[in-house]
């Protein structure tokens, strides 16, 4: 028996990607930014975000009586 593959219309994320003119500006991606290939985000931004998030969690948990 031969298996026949039929072309299915693209749906969901596949349809969004297929119809996107600029993949960096897709409507389903909120914070994607196109940068030059040699430009990378500094690791300090991630470290700072971790420290701020951790401090916020500790501050919020300090309001819970225990």
C-alpha atoms as a PDB file:
ATOM      1  CA  UNK A   1       0.000   0.000   0.000  1.00  0.00           C
ATOM      2  CA  UNK A   2       1.311   3.407  -0.901  1.00  0.00           C
ATOM      3  CA  UNK A   3       0.973   6.245   1.585  1.00  0.00           C
ATOM      4  CA  UNK A   4      -0.320   9.431   0.089  1.00  0.00           C
ATOM      5  CA  UNK A   5       0.669  12.731   1.639  1.00  0.00           C
ATOM      6  CA  UNK A   6      -1.828  15.491   1.166  1.00  0.00           C
ATOM      7  CA  UNK A   7      -0.966  19.135   1.613  1.00  0.00           C
ATOM      8  CA  UNK A   8      -2.780  20.512   4.636  1.00  0.00           C
ATOM      9  CA  UNK A   9      -3.361  24.225   5.033  1.00  0.00           C
ATOM     10  CA  UNK A  10      -1.038  25.729   7.591  1.00  0.00           C
ATOM     11  CA  UNK A  11      -2.662  26.640  10.868  1.00  0.00           C
ATOM     12  CA  UNK A  12      -1.627  28.150  14.162  1.00  0.00           C
ATOM     13  CA  UNK A  13       1.999  29.212  14.555  1.00  0.00           C
ATOM     14  CA  UNK A  14       2.939  27.735  11.184  1.00  0.00           C
ATOM     15  CA  UNK A  15       0.488  30.058   9.458  1.00  0.00           C
ATOM     16  CA  UNK A  16       1.755  33.061  11.413  1.00  0.00           C
ATOM     17  CA  UNK A  17       5.357  32.323  10.502  1.00  0.00           C
ATOM     18  CA  UNK A  18       4.518  31.592   6.879  1.00  0.00           C
ATOM     19  CA  UNK A  19       2.630  34.864   6.443  1.00  0.00           C
ATOM     20  CA  UNK A  20       5.060  37.048   8.424  1.00  0.00           C
ATOM     21  CA  UNK A  21       6.896  39.622   6.380  1.00  0.00           C
ATOM     22  CA  UNK A  22       9.501  40.182   9.088  1.00  0.00           C
ATOM     23  CA  UNK A  23       9.872  37.221  11.478  1.00  0.00           C
ATOM     24  CA  UNK A  24      11.347  39.489  14.172  1.00  0.00           C
ATOM     25  CA  UNK A  25       8.056  41.433  14.229  1.00  0.00           C
ATOM     26  CA  UNK A  26       5.674  38.470  14.399  1.00  0.00           C
ATOM     27  CA  UNK A  27       2.441  39.265  16.264  1.00  0.00           C
ATOM     28  CA  UNK A  28       2.830  36.239  18.551  1.00  0.00           C
ATOM     29  CA  UNK A  29       6.247  37.343  19.849  1.00  0.00           C
ATOM     30  CA  UNK A  30       6.080  40.341  22.161  1.00  0.00           C
ATOM     31  CA  UNK A  31       9.643  41.299  23.031  1.00  0.00           C
ATOM     32  CA  UNK A  32      11.740  40.073  20.104  1.00  0.00           C
ATOM     33  CA  UNK A  33      14.106  42.690  18.729  1.00  0.00           C
ATOM     34  CA  UNK A  34      16.254  42.340  15.635  1.00  0.00           C
ATOM     35  CA  UNK A  35      19.878  43.213  16.353  1.00  0.00           C
ATOM     36  CA  UNK A  36      23.109  43.062  14.383  1.00  0.00           C
ATOM     37  CA  UNK A  37      24.690  39.578  14.336  1.00  0.00           C
ATOM     38  CA  UNK A  38      27.676  40.690  16.423  1.00  0.00           C
ATOM     39  CA  UNK A  39      25.566  42.485  19.049  1.00  0.00           C
ATOM     40  CA  UNK A  40      24.743  40.417  22.123  1.00  0.00           C
ATOM     41  CA  UNK A  41      23.026  41.368  25.352  1.00  0.00           C
ATOM     42  CA  UNK A  42      25.375  41.755  28.288  1.00  0.00           C
ATOM     43  CA  UNK A  43      25.162  38.975  30.879  1.00  0.00           C
ATOM     44  CA  UNK A  44      24.857  41.656  33.564  1.00  0.00           C
ATOM     45  CA  UNK A  45      21.285  42.383  32.425  1.00  0.00           C
ATOM     46  CA  UNK A  46      20.314  38.802  33.247  1.00  0.00           C
ATOM     47  CA  UNK A  47      22.155  38.886  36.558  1.00  0.00           C
ATOM     48  CA  UNK A  48      20.487  42.176  37.486  1.00  0.00           C
ATOM     49  CA  UNK A  49      17.049  40.882  36.521  1.00  0.00           C
ATOM     50  CA  UNK A  50      17.611  37.810  38.706  1.00  0.00           C
ATOM     51  CA  UNK A  51      18.683  39.941  41.680  1.00  0.00           C
ATOM     52  CA  UNK A  52      15.727  42.326  41.320  1.00  0.00           C
ATOM     53  CA  UNK A  53      13.242  39.472  40.929  1.00  0.00           C
ATOM     54  CA  UNK A  54      14.697  37.633  43.918  1.00  0.00           C
ATOM     55  CA  UNK A  55      14.541  40.781  46.054  1.00  0.00           C
ATOM     56  CA  UNK A  56      10.914  41.361  45.031  1.00  0.00           C
ATOM     57  CA  UNK A  57       9.961  37.781  45.939  1.00  0.00           C
ATOM     58  CA  UNK A  58      11.686  38.027  49.331  1.00  0.00           C
ATOM     59  CA  UNK A  59      10.017  41.392  50.002  1.00  0.00           C
ATOM     60  CA  UNK A  60       6.584  40.015  49.124  1.00  0.00           C
ATOM     61  CA  UNK A  61       7.106  36.875  51.188  1.00  0.00           C
ATOM     62  CA  UNK A  62       8.061  38.981  54.194  1.00  0.00           C
ATOM     63  CA  UNK A  63       4.418  40.143  54.375  1.00  0.00           C
ATOM     64  CA  UNK A  64       3.217  36.570  54.962  1.00  0.00           C
ATOM     65  CA  UNK A  65       2.987  35.908  58.691  1.00  0.00           C
ATOM     66  CA  UNK A  66       4.754  32.837  59.806  1.00  0.00           C
END
